[in-house]
C-alpha atoms as a PDB file:
ATOM      1  CA  MET A   1    -147.123 -29.089 -79.855  1.00  0.00           C
ATOM      2  CA  MET A   2    -147.077 -32.830 -80.208  1.00  0.00           C
ATOM      3  CA  GLY A   3    -144.927 -31.757 -83.241  1.00  0.00           C
ATOM      4  CA  ASP A   4    -142.362 -29.675 -81.096  1.00  0.00           C
ATOM      5  CA  ALA A   5    -138.969 -31.091 -80.172  1.00  0.00           C
ATOM      6  CA  VAL A   6    -136.774 -30.621 -77.354  1.00  0.00           C
ATOM      7  CA  LYS A   7    -133.312 -30.234 -78.897  1.00  0.00           C
ATOM      8  CA  ILE A   8    -130.498 -29.980 -76.742  1.00  0.00           C
ATOM      9  CA  ASP A   9    -127.548 -27.300 -77.552  1.00  0.00           C
ATOM     10  CA  ASN A  10    -124.962 -29.449 -77.489  1.00  0.00           C
ATOM     11  CA  SER A  11    -122.267 -26.428 -77.652  1.00  0.00           C
ATOM     12  CA  ARG A  12    -123.195 -25.441 -73.683  1.00  0.00           C
ATOM     13  CA  GLY A  13    -125.312 -28.505 -72.819  1.00  0.00           C
ATOM     14  CA  GLU A  14    -128.200 -26.169 -72.094  1.00  0.00           C
ATOM     15  CA  ILE A  15    -131.824 -27.864 -72.890  1.00  0.00           C
ATOM     16  CA  SER A  16    -133.772 -25.378 -75.203  1.00  0.00           C
ATOM     17  CA  SER A  17    -137.368 -23.358 -73.612  1.00  0.00           C
ATOM     18  CA  SER A  18    -139.507 -26.148 -75.126  1.00  0.00           C
ATOM     19  CA  LEU A  19    -138.488 -28.679 -72.536  1.00  0.00           C
ATOM     20  CA  ARG A  20    -140.591 -26.753 -70.095  1.00  0.00           C
ATOM     21  CA  THR A  21    -143.710 -27.782 -71.955  1.00  0.00           C
ATOM     22  CA  TYR A  22    -142.187 -31.463 -71.980  1.00  0.00           C
ATOM     23  CA  TRP A  23    -145.871 -32.824 -70.705  1.00  0.00           C
ATOM     24  CA  SER A  24    -147.246 -32.047 -73.520  1.00  0.00           C
ATOM     25  CA  ILE A  25    -145.130 -33.521 -76.473  1.00  0.00           C
ATOM     26  CA  ASP A  26    -145.511 -37.177 -77.714  1.00  0.00           C
ATOM     27  CA  PRO A  27    -143.572 -39.562 -74.665  1.00  0.00           C
ATOM     28  CA  ASP A  28    -141.472 -41.108 -78.233  1.00  0.00           C
ATOM     29  CA  GLN A  29    -140.951 -37.961 -79.260  1.00  0.00           C
ATOM     30  CA  LEU A  30    -139.197 -36.891 -75.919  1.00  0.00           C
ATOM     31  CA  LEU A  31    -137.729 -40.211 -75.495  1.00  0.00           C
ATOM     32  CA  THR A  32    -136.242 -39.828 -79.526  1.00  0.00           C
ATOM     33  CA  ASP A  33    -135.063 -35.683 -79.199  1.00  0.00           C
ATOM     34  CA  LEU A  34    -133.670 -37.032 -75.344  1.00  0.00           C
ATOM     35  CA  ASN A  35    -131.461 -39.544 -76.963  1.00  0.00           C
ATOM     36  CA  SER A  36    -132.718 -42.023 -74.443  1.00  0.00           C
ATOM     37  CA  ALA A  37    -135.262 -45.484 -74.738  1.00  0.00           C
ATOM     38  CA  ARG A  38    -138.370 -46.710 -72.759  1.00  0.00           C
ATOM     39  CA  SER A  39    -135.875 -49.193 -71.482  1.00  0.00           C
ATOM     40  CA  GLY A  40    -133.236 -46.548 -70.309  1.00  0.00           C
ATOM     41  CA  LEU A  41    -129.871 -45.386 -71.200  1.00  0.00           C
ATOM     42  CA  SER A  42    -126.896 -48.169 -71.957  1.00  0.00           C
ATOM     43  CA  GLN A  43    -124.365 -48.298 -69.674  1.00  0.00           C
ATOM     44  CA  ALA A  44    -122.073 -46.709 -72.220  1.00  0.00           C
ATOM     45  CA  SER A  45    -124.183 -43.895 -72.998  1.00  0.00           C
ATOM     46  CA  ALA A  46    -124.839 -43.251 -69.031  1.00  0.00           C
ATOM     47  CA  GLU A  47    -120.765 -43.161 -68.687  1.00  0.00           C
ATOM     48  CA  GLN A  48    -120.218 -40.364 -71.027  1.00  0.00           C
ATOM     49  CA  ARG A  49    -123.521 -38.259 -70.229  1.00  0.00           C
ATOM     50  CA  PHE A  50    -121.814 -39.028 -66.549  1.00  0.00           C
ATOM     51  CA  LYS A  51    -118.322 -37.500 -67.418  1.00  0.00           C
ATOM     52  CA  ARG A  52    -119.949 -34.447 -69.587  1.00  0.00           C
ATOM     53  CA  TYR A  53    -122.223 -33.505 -67.186  1.00  0.00           C
ATOM     54  CA  GLY A  54    -121.500 -34.668 -63.525  1.00  0.00           C
ATOM     55  CA  PRO A  55    -123.304 -37.266 -61.078  1.00  0.00           C
ATOM     56  CA  ASN A  56    -127.132 -36.746 -61.058  1.00  0.00           C
ATOM     57  CA  SER A  57    -127.642 -35.406 -57.827  1.00  0.00           C
ATOM     58  CA  ILE A  58    -128.703 -32.034 -55.713  1.00  0.00           C
ATOM     59  CA  ASN A  59    -125.600 -30.533 -54.043  1.00  0.00           C
ATOM     60  CA  ALA A  60    -126.814 -29.903 -50.377  1.00  0.00           C
ATOM     61  CA  THR A  61    -127.451 -26.526 -48.764  1.00  0.00           C
ATOM     62  CA  SER A  62    -126.888 -25.681 -45.392  1.00  0.00           C
ATOM     63  CA  GLN A  63    -130.028 -26.243 -43.065  1.00  0.00           C
ATOM     64  CA  THR A  64    -131.178 -23.291 -41.024  1.00  0.00           C
ATOM     65  CA  SER A  65    -131.329 -23.850 -37.972  1.00  0.00           C
ATOM     66  CA  ALA A  66    -135.020 -23.788 -35.458  1.00  0.00           C
ATOM     67  CA  ILE A  67    -134.556 -19.849 -34.856  1.00  0.00           C
ATOM     68  CA  GLY A  68    -133.761 -18.703 -38.686  1.00  0.00           C
ATOM     69  CA  LEU A  69    -136.811 -20.991 -39.670  1.00  0.00           C
ATOM     70  CA  LEU A  70    -138.630 -18.776 -37.238  1.00  0.00           C
ATOM     71  CA  LEU A  71    -137.485 -15.681 -37.891  1.00  0.00           C
ATOM     72  CA  SER A  72    -138.206 -16.124 -41.303  1.00  0.00           C
ATOM     73  CA  GLN A  73    -141.821 -16.831 -40.881  1.00  0.00           C
ATOM     74  CA  PHE A  74    -141.971 -13.337 -40.034  1.00  0.00           C
ATOM     75  CA  LYS A  75    -140.622 -12.042 -43.420  1.00  0.00           C
ATOM     76  CA  SER A  76    -144.624 -11.586 -44.842  1.00  0.00           C
ATOM     77  CA  PRO A  77    -145.975  -8.327 -43.927  1.00  0.00           C
ATOM     78  CA  LEU A  78    -149.936  -9.925 -43.517  1.00  0.00           C
ATOM     79  CA  VAL A  79    -147.657 -12.406 -41.234  1.00  0.00           C
ATOM     80  CA  LEU A  80    -146.948  -9.057 -39.058  1.00  0.00           C
ATOM     81  CA  ILE A  81    -150.024  -7.638 -39.005  1.00  0.00           C
ATOM     82  CA  LEU A  82    -152.032 -10.824 -38.128  1.00  0.00           C
ATOM     83  CA  VAL A  83    -149.610 -10.962 -35.107  1.00  0.00           C
ATOM     84  CA  PHE A  84    -150.271  -7.265 -34.091  1.00  0.00           C
ATOM     85  CA  ALA A  85    -153.784  -7.985 -34.310  1.00  0.00           C
ATOM     86  CA  ALA A  86    -153.359 -11.337 -31.745  1.00  0.00           C
ATOM     87  CA  ILE A  87    -151.450  -9.345 -29.279  1.00  0.00           C
ATOM     88  CA  ILE A  88    -154.098  -6.440 -29.344  1.00  0.00           C
ATOM     89  CA  SER A  89    -156.856  -8.704 -29.319  1.00  0.00           C
ATOM     90  CA  ALA A  90    -155.068 -10.314 -26.031  1.00  0.00           C
ATOM     91  CA  ILE A  91    -154.174  -7.277 -24.285  1.00  0.00           C
ATOM     92  CA  ALA A  92    -158.164  -6.499 -25.053  1.00  0.00           C
ATOM     93  CA  GLY A  93    -159.294 -10.014 -23.386  1.00  0.00           C
ATOM     94  CA  GLN A  94    -160.077 -11.517 -26.298  1.00  0.00           C
ATOM     95  CA  TRP A  95    -158.809 -14.659 -26.374  1.00  0.00           C
ATOM     96  CA  PRO A  96    -161.149 -16.481 -28.789  1.00  0.00           C
ATOM     97  CA  ASP A  97    -160.307 -13.895 -31.437  1.00  0.00           C
ATOM     98  CA  ALA A  98    -156.855 -13.647 -30.486  1.00  0.00           C
ATOM     99  CA  LEU A  99    -156.740 -17.153 -30.930  1.00  0.00           C
ATOM    100  CA  ILE A 100    -158.804 -16.961 -34.386  1.00  0.00           C
ATOM    101  CA  VAL A 101    -155.991 -14.533 -35.720  1.00  0.00           C
ATOM    102  CA  ILE A 102    -152.988 -16.867 -34.640  1.00  0.00           C
ATOM    103  CA  ALA A 103    -154.622 -19.929 -36.380  1.00  0.00           C
ATOM    104  CA  MET A 104    -155.342 -17.686 -39.712  1.00  0.00           C
ATOM    105  CA  SER A 105    -151.469 -16.496 -39.086  1.00  0.00           C
ATOM    106  CA  TRP A 106    -150.091 -20.201 -39.413  1.00  0.00           C
ATOM    107  CA  GLY A 107    -152.609 -20.357 -42.250  1.00  0.00           C
ATOM    108  CA  VAL A 108    -150.876 -17.994 -44.317  1.00  0.00           C
ATOM    109  CA  GLN A 109    -146.997 -18.947 -43.701  1.00  0.00           C
ATOM    110  CA  CYS A 110    -148.065 -22.309 -44.954  1.00  0.00           C
END
């Protein structure tokens, strides 16, 4: 796969699908294909890319509230089944079983 090059479609500024395997390309070949160097970009090249592609930043999205985060944990049907099983175990007085099922449901969410 070392011979495969990463090509940038200059008409739309998109990187070809071969970039998905960038880790398997020889580093020197990858730097050449990306028009870069081990020492980094020159000031002129960095300014040109900034004008073309914009800042190298990630736009912040809205943050989820604590209640929204809690409710999102119950989107998985498996978590709902485990919570239901824990409630039934607790009602039946089987506290160790209820605690084990709750611990399992936390493990499913992670």
